[in-house]
Amino acid sequence: MEGVFTYIGVIFNHHDNPQLFFVAHLVLVAIIIIMIAKAATKSLRAVPNGTQNVMESYLGGVIAMGKDVIGEELARKYLPLVAAVGMFVFVSNVIGIIPGFESPTSNINVTLPLALLVFFYYNYEGIKENGVVKYFAHFAGPVKILAPLMFPIEIVSHISRIISLSFRLFGNIKGDDLFLWVLLMLVPFIAPLPAYLLLSFSALLQTFVFMILIYVYLAGAVAIDDDH
């Protein structure tokens, strides 16, 4: 954000090198995730503790989340995608709450590729699981006479998911960053304290929404009713 101090901005001027500034925060998020993964797998134990316990609880929660949407077997199958995206989104969201850093997910250049990744992947899985004809046939709906009307509506609906996924995450995190920025300018020592709790909850909520929508889209793509 213009006028906001960031540690990385001291190295890469936001105005002179906006792309380097943006990439540097992405690299920082990637380093944090790799460090967490290494800490969790450094000394695996049958009875987990520390970071391993936290990560196993996280993965178990992701499976439980997908179990109600798509079934346990498919939830485990798509666990790597959903868990990895969830970890990236969460760390990217939270890092912006720390003064001196900026959320990569407050940039549409991050959220849009994530949405495109989900869009192409669930369509690929749908075609792979059901075949091209059956997969696109369910776009026409169960009533054949309404097929010419339903098919283009379904196509537009699926394409709109790209906008929905990317702009929802981008808009909410950008708004949170601006909200925190204003508070820090007005009352830097008092107001931000409860605001941090609110922003942390928002970061967690946006991560959950993004993850659950991946499972929902995958369920709609691979679990097609035979009648359709």
C-alpha atoms as a PDB file:
ATOM      1  CA  MET A   1       0.000   0.000   0.000  1.00  0.00           C
ATOM      2  CA  GLU A   2       1.257   3.448  -0.857  1.00  0.00           C
ATOM      3  CA  GLY A   3       2.764   5.315   2.073  1.00  0.00           C
ATOM      4  CA  VAL A   4       2.918   2.305   4.372  1.00  0.00           C
ATOM      5  CA  PHE A   5       6.281   1.301   5.835  1.00  0.00           C
ATOM      6  CA  THR A   6       7.396  -2.280   5.219  1.00  0.00           C
ATOM      7  CA  TYR A   7      10.710  -3.917   6.001  1.00  0.00           C
ATOM      8  CA  ILE A   8      10.942  -5.338   2.491  1.00  0.00           C
ATOM      9  CA  GLY A   9      10.059  -1.910   1.128  1.00  0.00           C
ATOM     10  CA  VAL A  10      13.324  -0.608   2.582  1.00  0.00           C
ATOM     11  CA  ILE A  11      15.188  -3.023   0.307  1.00  0.00           C
ATOM     12  CA  PHE A  12      12.887  -2.931  -2.707  1.00  0.00           C
ATOM     13  CA  ASN A  13      11.307   0.496  -3.147  1.00  0.00           C
ATOM     14  CA  HIS A  14       7.561   0.024  -3.591  1.00  0.00           C
ATOM     15  CA  HIS A  15       7.352   2.662  -6.309  1.00  0.00           C
ATOM     16  CA  ASP A  16      10.542   1.873  -8.218  1.00  0.00           C
ATOM     17  CA  ASN A  17      10.305  -1.935  -7.964  1.00  0.00           C
ATOM     18  CA  PRO A  18       6.642  -2.906  -7.331  1.00  0.00           C
ATOM     19  CA  GLN A  19       7.122  -6.344  -8.854  1.00  0.00           C
ATOM     20  CA  LEU A  20      10.200  -7.145  -6.761  1.00  0.00           C
ATOM     21  CA  PHE A  21       8.369  -5.874  -3.667  1.00  0.00           C
ATOM     22  CA  PHE A  22       5.442  -8.174  -4.446  1.00  0.00           C
ATOM     23  CA  VAL A  23       7.629 -11.215  -5.252  1.00  0.00           C
ATOM     24  CA  ALA A  24       9.704 -10.676  -2.094  1.00  0.00           C
ATOM     25  CA  HIS A  25       6.616 -11.083   0.092  1.00  0.00           C
ATOM     26  CA  LEU A  26       5.662 -14.227  -1.825  1.00  0.00           C
ATOM     27  CA  VAL A  27       9.136 -15.656  -1.263  1.00  0.00           C
ATOM     28  CA  LEU A  28       8.881 -14.800   2.430  1.00  0.00           C
ATOM     29  CA  VAL A  29       5.571 -16.686   2.698  1.00  0.00           C
ATOM     30  CA  ALA A  30       7.098 -19.679   0.897  1.00  0.00           C
ATOM     31  CA  ILE A  31      10.080 -19.687   3.286  1.00  0.00           C
ATOM     32  CA  ILE A  32       7.769 -19.615   6.323  1.00  0.00           C
ATOM     33  CA  ILE A  33       5.718 -22.545   4.976  1.00  0.00           C
ATOM     34  CA  ILE A  34       8.861 -24.570   4.203  1.00  0.00           C
ATOM     35  CA  MET A  35      10.203 -23.902   7.703  1.00  0.00           C
ATOM     36  CA  ILE A  36       6.919 -25.068   9.254  1.00  0.00           C
ATOM     37  CA  ALA A  37       6.926 -28.213   7.104  1.00  0.00           C
ATOM     38  CA  LYS A  38      10.537 -28.987   8.011  1.00  0.00           C
ATOM     39  CA  ALA A  39       9.866 -28.451  11.709  1.00  0.00           C
ATOM     40  CA  ALA A  40       6.846 -30.766  11.549  1.00  0.00           C
ATOM     41  CA  THR A  41       8.712 -33.571   9.753  1.00  0.00           C
ATOM     42  CA  LYS A  42      12.149 -33.188  11.347  1.00  0.00           C
ATOM     43  CA  SER A  43      11.613 -35.929  13.935  1.00  0.00           C
ATOM     44  CA  LEU A  44       8.385 -37.804  13.293  1.00  0.00           C
ATOM     45  CA  ARG A  45       6.966 -39.648  16.280  1.00  0.00           C
ATOM     46  CA  ALA A  46       4.119 -42.092  16.830  1.00  0.00           C
ATOM     47  CA  VAL A  47       2.826 -39.783  19.562  1.00  0.00           C
ATOM     48  CA  PRO A  48       3.194 -36.338  17.972  1.00  0.00           C
ATOM     49  CA  ASN A  49       4.134 -33.201  19.851  1.00  0.00           C
ATOM     50  CA  GLY A  50       5.039 -29.643  19.005  1.00  0.00           C
ATOM     51  CA  THR A  51       4.812 -28.638  15.368  1.00  0.00           C
ATOM     52  CA  GLN A  52       4.073 -32.199  14.241  1.00  0.00           C
ATOM     53  CA  ASN A  53       1.029 -32.269  16.506  1.00  0.00           C
ATOM     54  CA  VAL A  54      -0.201 -28.940  15.143  1.00  0.00           C
ATOM     55  CA  MET A  55       0.235 -30.030  11.522  1.00  0.00           C
ATOM     56  CA  GLU A  56      -1.423 -33.406  12.069  1.00  0.00           C
ATOM     57  CA  SER A  57      -4.357 -31.635  13.717  1.00  0.00           C
ATOM     58  CA  TYR A  58      -4.523 -29.294  10.730  1.00  0.00           C
ATOM     59  CA  LEU A  59      -4.514 -32.128   8.199  1.00  0.00           C
ATOM     60  CA  GLY A  60      -7.109 -34.017  10.237  1.00  0.00           C
ATOM     61  CA  GLY A  61      -9.283 -30.909  10.256  1.00  0.00           C
ATOM     62  CA  VAL A  62      -8.969 -30.535   6.487  1.00  0.00           C
ATOM     63  CA  ILE A  63     -10.068 -34.153   5.998  1.00  0.00           C
ATOM     64  CA  ALA A  64     -12.991 -33.663   8.394  1.00  0.00           C
ATOM     65  CA  MET A  65     -13.966 -30.531   6.479  1.00  0.00           C
ATOM     66  CA  GLY A  66     -14.008 -32.371   3.159  1.00  0.00           C
ATOM     67  CA  LYS A  67     -15.622 -35.533   4.574  1.00  0.00           C
ATOM     68  CA  ASP A  68     -19.012 -33.856   4.937  1.00  0.00           C
ATOM     69  CA  VAL A  69     -18.785 -32.359   1.447  1.00  0.00           C
ATOM     70  CA  ILE A  70     -17.253 -35.028  -0.757  1.00  0.00           C
ATOM     71  CA  GLY A  71     -16.754 -38.146   1.402  1.00  0.00           C
ATOM     72  CA  GLU A  72     -13.700 -39.279   3.324  1.00  0.00           C
ATOM     73  CA  GLU A  73     -12.042 -41.158   0.437  1.00  0.00           C
ATOM     74  CA  LEU A  74     -12.135 -38.203  -1.931  1.00  0.00           C
ATOM     75  CA  ALA A  75     -11.326 -35.795   0.903  1.00  0.00           C
ATOM     76  CA  ARG A  76      -8.080 -37.704   1.452  1.00  0.00           C
ATOM     77  CA  LYS A  77      -7.408 -37.839  -2.281  1.00  0.00           C
ATOM     78  CA  TYR A  78      -7.595 -34.061  -2.631  1.00  0.00           C
ATOM     79  CA  LEU A  79      -5.963 -33.354   0.741  1.00  0.00           C
ATOM     80  CA  PRO A  80      -2.589 -32.268  -0.738  1.00  0.00           C
ATOM     81  CA  LEU A  81      -4.201 -29.580  -2.896  1.00  0.00           C
ATOM     82  CA  VAL A  82      -6.617 -28.228  -0.295  1.00  0.00           C
ATOM     83  CA  ALA A  83      -4.111 -28.344   2.588  1.00  0.00           C
ATOM     84  CA  ALA A  84      -1.340 -26.686   0.554  1.00  0.00           C
ATOM     85  CA  VAL A  85      -3.616 -23.918  -0.737  1.00  0.00           C
ATOM     86  CA  GLY A  86      -5.040 -23.432   2.757  1.00  0.00           C
ATOM     87  CA  MET A  87      -1.575 -23.123   4.302  1.00  0.00           C
ATOM     88  CA  PHE A  88      -0.479 -20.624   1.660  1.00  0.00           C
ATOM     89  CA  VAL A  89      -3.613 -18.504   1.975  1.00  0.00           C
ATOM     90  CA  PHE A  90      -3.529 -18.489   5.781  1.00  0.00           C
ATOM     91  CA  VAL A  91       0.146 -17.502   6.074  1.00  0.00           C
ATOM     92  CA  SER A  92      -0.328 -14.875   3.361  1.00  0.00           C
ATOM     93  CA  ASN A  93      -3.348 -13.450   5.198  1.00  0.00           C
ATOM     94  CA  VAL A  94      -1.751 -13.420   8.647  1.00  0.00           C
ATOM     95  CA  ILE A  95       1.569 -11.912   7.617  1.00  0.00           C
ATOM     96  CA  GLY A  96      -0.208  -8.697   6.643  1.00  0.00           C
ATOM     97  CA  ILE A  97      -1.460  -8.265  10.214  1.00  0.00           C
ATOM     98  CA  ILE A  98       2.138  -7.913  11.415  1.00  0.00           C
ATOM     99  CA  PRO A  99       3.234  -4.259  11.117  1.00  0.00           C
ATOM    100  CA  GLY A 100       5.972  -3.915   8.539  1.00  0.00           C
ATOM    101  CA  PHE A 101       4.681  -6.612   6.197  1.00  0.00           C
ATOM    102  CA  GLU A 102       2.033  -6.818   3.495  1.00  0.00           C
ATOM    103  CA  SER A 103      -0.346  -9.666   2.664  1.00  0.00           C
ATOM    104  CA  PRO A 104       0.361 -11.230  -0.755  1.00  0.00           C
ATOM    105  CA  THR A 105      -3.342 -12.151  -0.899  1.00  0.00           C
ATOM    106  CA  SER A 106      -4.206  -8.440  -0.867  1.00  0.00           C
ATOM    107  CA  ASN A 107      -2.928  -8.450  -4.455  1.00  0.00           C
ATOM    108  CA  ILE A 108      -5.185  -9.686  -7.267  1.00  0.00           C
ATOM    109  CA  ASN A 109      -2.103 -11.094  -9.013  1.00  0.00           C
ATOM    110  CA  VAL A 110      -2.000 -13.767  -6.288  1.00  0.00           C
ATOM    111  CA  THR A 111      -5.672 -14.529  -5.760  1.00  0.00           C
ATOM    112  CA  LEU A 112      -6.505 -14.740  -9.477  1.00  0.00           C
ATOM    113  CA  PRO A 113      -3.907 -17.460 -10.260  1.00  0.00           C
ATOM    114  CA  LEU A 114      -5.122 -19.384  -7.197  1.00  0.00           C
ATOM    115  CA  ALA A 115      -8.689 -19.195  -8.489  1.00  0.00           C
ATOM    116  CA  LEU A 116      -7.584 -20.271 -11.976  1.00  0.00           C
ATOM    117  CA  LEU A 117      -5.666 -23.201 -10.481  1.00  0.00           C
ATOM    118  CA  VAL A 118      -8.794 -24.396  -8.670  1.00  0.00           C
ATOM    119  CA  PHE A 119     -10.982 -23.810 -11.742  1.00  0.00           C
ATOM    120  CA  PHE A 120      -8.823 -25.815 -14.146  1.00  0.00           C
ATOM    121  CA  TYR A 121      -8.111 -28.544 -11.622  1.00  0.00           C
ATOM    122  CA  TYR A 122     -11.692 -29.344 -10.681  1.00  0.00           C
ATOM    123  CA  ASN A 123     -12.751 -29.320 -14.332  1.00  0.00           C
ATOM    124  CA  TYR A 124      -9.847 -31.603 -15.182  1.00  0.00           C
ATOM    125  CA  GLU A 125     -10.824 -33.983 -12.385  1.00  0.00           C
ATOM    126  CA  GLY A 126     -14.448 -33.914 -13.512  1.00  0.00           C
ATOM    127  CA  ILE A 127     -13.526 -34.811 -17.090  1.00  0.00           C
ATOM    128  CA  LYS A 128     -11.038 -37.447 -15.924  1.00  0.00           C
ATOM    129  CA  GLU A 129     -13.588 -39.084 -13.610  1.00  0.00           C
ATOM    130  CA  ASN A 130     -16.680 -38.961 -15.860  1.00  0.00           C
ATOM    131  CA  GLY A 131     -15.408 -38.480 -19.403  1.00  0.00           C
ATOM    132  CA  VAL A 132     -15.845 -35.422 -21.595  1.00  0.00           C
ATOM    133  CA  VAL A 133     -19.376 -36.237 -22.824  1.00  0.00           C
ATOM    134  CA  LYS A 134     -20.902 -37.102 -19.452  1.00  0.00           C
ATOM    135  CA  TYR A 135     -19.189 -34.232 -17.664  1.00  0.00           C
ATOM    136  CA  PHE A 136     -20.419 -31.543 -20.026  1.00  0.00           C
ATOM    137  CA  ALA A 137     -23.781 -33.254 -20.420  1.00  0.00           C
ATOM    138  CA  HIS A 138     -24.597 -32.571 -16.774  1.00  0.00           C
ATOM    139  CA  PHE A 139     -24.288 -28.855 -17.549  1.00  0.00           C
ATOM    140  CA  ALA A 140     -27.528 -29.221 -19.509  1.00  0.00           C
ATOM    141  CA  GLY A 141     -29.498 -30.348 -16.457  1.00  0.00           C
ATOM    142  CA  PRO A 142     -31.905 -33.260 -16.040  1.00  0.00           C
ATOM    143  CA  VAL A 143     -34.649 -31.814 -18.278  1.00  0.00           C
ATOM    144  CA  LYS A 144     -33.642 -32.185 -21.920  1.00  0.00           C
ATOM    145  CA  ILE A 145     -36.058 -29.576 -23.233  1.00  0.00           C
ATOM    146  CA  LEU A 146     -34.361 -26.943 -21.061  1.00  0.00           C
ATOM    147  CA  ALA A 147     -30.851 -27.951 -22.129  1.00  0.00           C
ATOM    148  CA  PRO A 148     -30.341 -25.045 -24.614  1.00  0.00           C
ATOM    149  CA  LEU A 149     -31.123 -22.634 -21.783  1.00  0.00           C
ATOM    150  CA  MET A 150     -29.319 -24.381 -18.929  1.00  0.00           C
ATOM    151  CA  PHE A 151     -26.035 -25.119 -20.719  1.00  0.00           C
ATOM    152  CA  PRO A 152     -24.939 -21.484 -21.299  1.00  0.00           C
ATOM    153  CA  ILE A 153     -26.144 -20.553 -17.798  1.00  0.00           C
ATOM    154  CA  GLU A 154     -23.977 -23.306 -16.296  1.00  0.00           C
ATOM    155  CA  ILE A 155     -20.973 -22.212 -18.362  1.00  0.00           C
ATOM    156  CA  VAL A 156     -21.330 -18.630 -17.131  1.00  0.00           C
ATOM    157  CA  SER A 157     -21.852 -19.911 -13.585  1.00  0.00           C
ATOM    158  CA  HIS A 158     -18.608 -21.895 -13.665  1.00  0.00           C
ATOM    159  CA  ILE A 159     -16.613 -19.023 -15.152  1.00  0.00           C
ATOM    160  CA  SER A 160     -18.015 -16.666 -12.508  1.00  0.00           C
ATOM    161  CA  ARG A 161     -16.415 -18.877  -9.864  1.00  0.00           C
ATOM    162  CA  ILE A 162     -13.033 -17.531 -10.933  1.00  0.00           C
ATOM    163  CA  ILE A 163     -14.192 -14.003 -10.171  1.00  0.00           C
ATOM    164  CA  SER A 164     -15.903 -15.078  -6.967  1.00  0.00           C
ATOM    165  CA  LEU A 165     -12.881 -16.930  -5.569  1.00  0.00           C
ATOM    166  CA  SER A 166     -10.283 -14.339  -6.525  1.00  0.00           C
ATOM    167  CA  PHE A 167     -12.138 -11.106  -5.728  1.00  0.00           C
ATOM    168  CA  ARG A 168     -13.655 -12.352  -2.461  1.00  0.00           C
ATOM    169  CA  LEU A 169     -10.239 -13.166  -1.013  1.00  0.00           C
ATOM    170  CA  PHE A 170      -8.531 -10.138  -2.537  1.00  0.00           C
ATOM    171  CA  GLY A 171     -11.251  -7.708  -1.463  1.00  0.00           C
ATOM    172  CA  ASN A 172     -11.515  -8.919   2.110  1.00  0.00           C
ATOM    173  CA  ILE A 173      -7.781  -9.025   2.781  1.00  0.00           C
ATOM    174  CA  LYS A 174      -7.190  -5.688   1.061  1.00  0.00           C
ATOM    175  CA  GLY A 175      -9.950  -4.186   3.175  1.00  0.00           C
ATOM    176  CA  ASP A 176      -8.435  -5.659   6.348  1.00  0.00           C
ATOM    177  CA  ASP A 177      -5.031  -4.218   5.491  1.00  0.00           C
ATOM    178  CA  LEU A 178      -6.502  -0.769   4.859  1.00  0.00           C
ATOM    179  CA  PHE A 179      -8.493  -0.987   8.092  1.00  0.00           C
ATOM    180  CA  LEU A 180      -5.361  -1.796  10.099  1.00  0.00           C
ATOM    181  CA  TRP A 181      -3.392   0.917   8.303  1.00  0.00           C
ATOM    182  CA  VAL A 182      -5.955   3.585   9.255  1.00  0.00           C
ATOM    183  CA  LEU A 183      -6.031   2.418  12.882  1.00  0.00           C
ATOM    184  CA  LEU A 184      -2.254   2.485  13.156  1.00  0.00           C
ATOM    185  CA  MET A 185      -2.226   6.038  11.826  1.00  0.00           C
ATOM    186  CA  LEU A 186      -4.983   7.310  14.145  1.00  0.00           C
ATOM    187  CA  VAL A 187      -4.406   5.519  17.457  1.00  0.00           C
ATOM    188  CA  PRO A 188      -1.289   3.347  17.158  1.00  0.00           C
ATOM    189  CA  PHE A 189      -1.103   2.237  20.806  1.00  0.00           C
ATOM    190  CA  ILE A 190      -4.691   1.433  21.828  1.00  0.00           C
ATOM    191  CA  ALA A 191      -7.169   0.640  19.040  1.00  0.00           C
ATOM    192  CA  PRO A 192      -5.098  -1.963  17.130  1.00  0.00           C
ATOM    193  CA  LEU A 193      -5.095  -4.409  20.080  1.00  0.00           C
ATOM    194  CA  PRO A 194      -8.716  -5.625  19.733  1.00  0.00           C
ATOM    195  CA  ALA A 195      -8.468  -5.084  15.981  1.00  0.00           C
ATOM    196  CA  TYR A 196      -5.741  -7.737  15.768  1.00  0.00           C
ATOM    197  CA  LEU A 197      -8.173 -10.325  17.126  1.00  0.00           C
ATOM    198  CA  LEU A 198     -10.781  -9.328  14.566  1.00  0.00           C
ATOM    199  CA  LEU A 199      -8.274  -9.394  11.708  1.00  0.00           C
ATOM    200  CA  SER A 200      -6.901 -12.768  12.828  1.00  0.00           C
ATOM    201  CA  PHE A 201     -10.415 -14.199  12.807  1.00  0.00           C
ATOM    202  CA  SER A 202     -11.022 -12.698   9.363  1.00  0.00           C
ATOM    203  CA  ALA A 203      -7.779 -14.247   8.047  1.00  0.00           C
ATOM    204  CA  LEU A 204      -8.844 -17.650   9.381  1.00  0.00           C
ATOM    205  CA  LEU A 205     -12.388 -17.288   8.027  1.00  0.00           C
ATOM    206  CA  GLN A 206     -11.244 -16.342   4.523  1.00  0.00           C
ATOM    207  CA  THR A 207      -8.900 -19.328   4.497  1.00  0.00           C
ATOM    208  CA  PHE A 208     -11.713 -21.664   5.573  1.00  0.00           C
ATOM    209  CA  VAL A 209     -14.080 -20.293   2.902  1.00  0.00           C
ATOM    210  CA  PHE A 210     -11.484 -20.728   0.159  1.00  0.00           C
ATOM    211  CA  MET A 211     -10.718 -24.305   1.242  1.00  0.00           C
ATOM    212  CA  ILE A 212     -14.337 -25.413   1.617  1.00  0.00           C
ATOM    213  CA  LEU A 213     -15.184 -23.993  -1.817  1.00  0.00           C
ATOM    214  CA  ILE A 214     -12.429 -26.130  -3.367  1.00  0.00           C
ATOM    215  CA  TYR A 215     -14.086 -29.222  -1.905  1.00  0.00           C
ATOM    216  CA  VAL A 216     -17.535 -28.030  -3.023  1.00  0.00           C
ATOM    217  CA  TYR A 217     -16.376 -27.453  -6.594  1.00  0.00           C
ATOM    218  CA  LEU A 218     -14.589 -30.797  -6.696  1.00  0.00           C
ATOM    219  CA  ALA A 219     -17.700 -32.540  -5.341  1.00  0.00           C
ATOM    220  CA  GLY A 220     -19.820 -30.982  -8.070  1.00  0.00           C
ATOM    221  CA  ALA A 221     -17.320 -32.063 -10.721  1.00  0.00           C
ATOM    222  CA  VAL A 222     -16.580 -35.681  -9.764  1.00  0.00           C
ATOM    223  CA  ALA A 223     -19.805 -36.733  -8.007  1.00  0.00           C
ATOM    224  CA  ILE A 224     -22.204 -36.319 -10.917  1.00  0.00           C
ATOM    225  CA  ASP A 225     -25.645 -37.906 -10.538  1.00  0.00           C
ATOM    226  CA  ASP A 226     -26.173 -40.657 -13.093  1.00  0.00           C
ATOM    227  CA  ASP A 227     -29.554 -39.150 -13.990  1.00  0.00           C
ATOM    228  CA  HIS A 228     -27.757 -36.054 -15.238  1.00  0.00           C
END
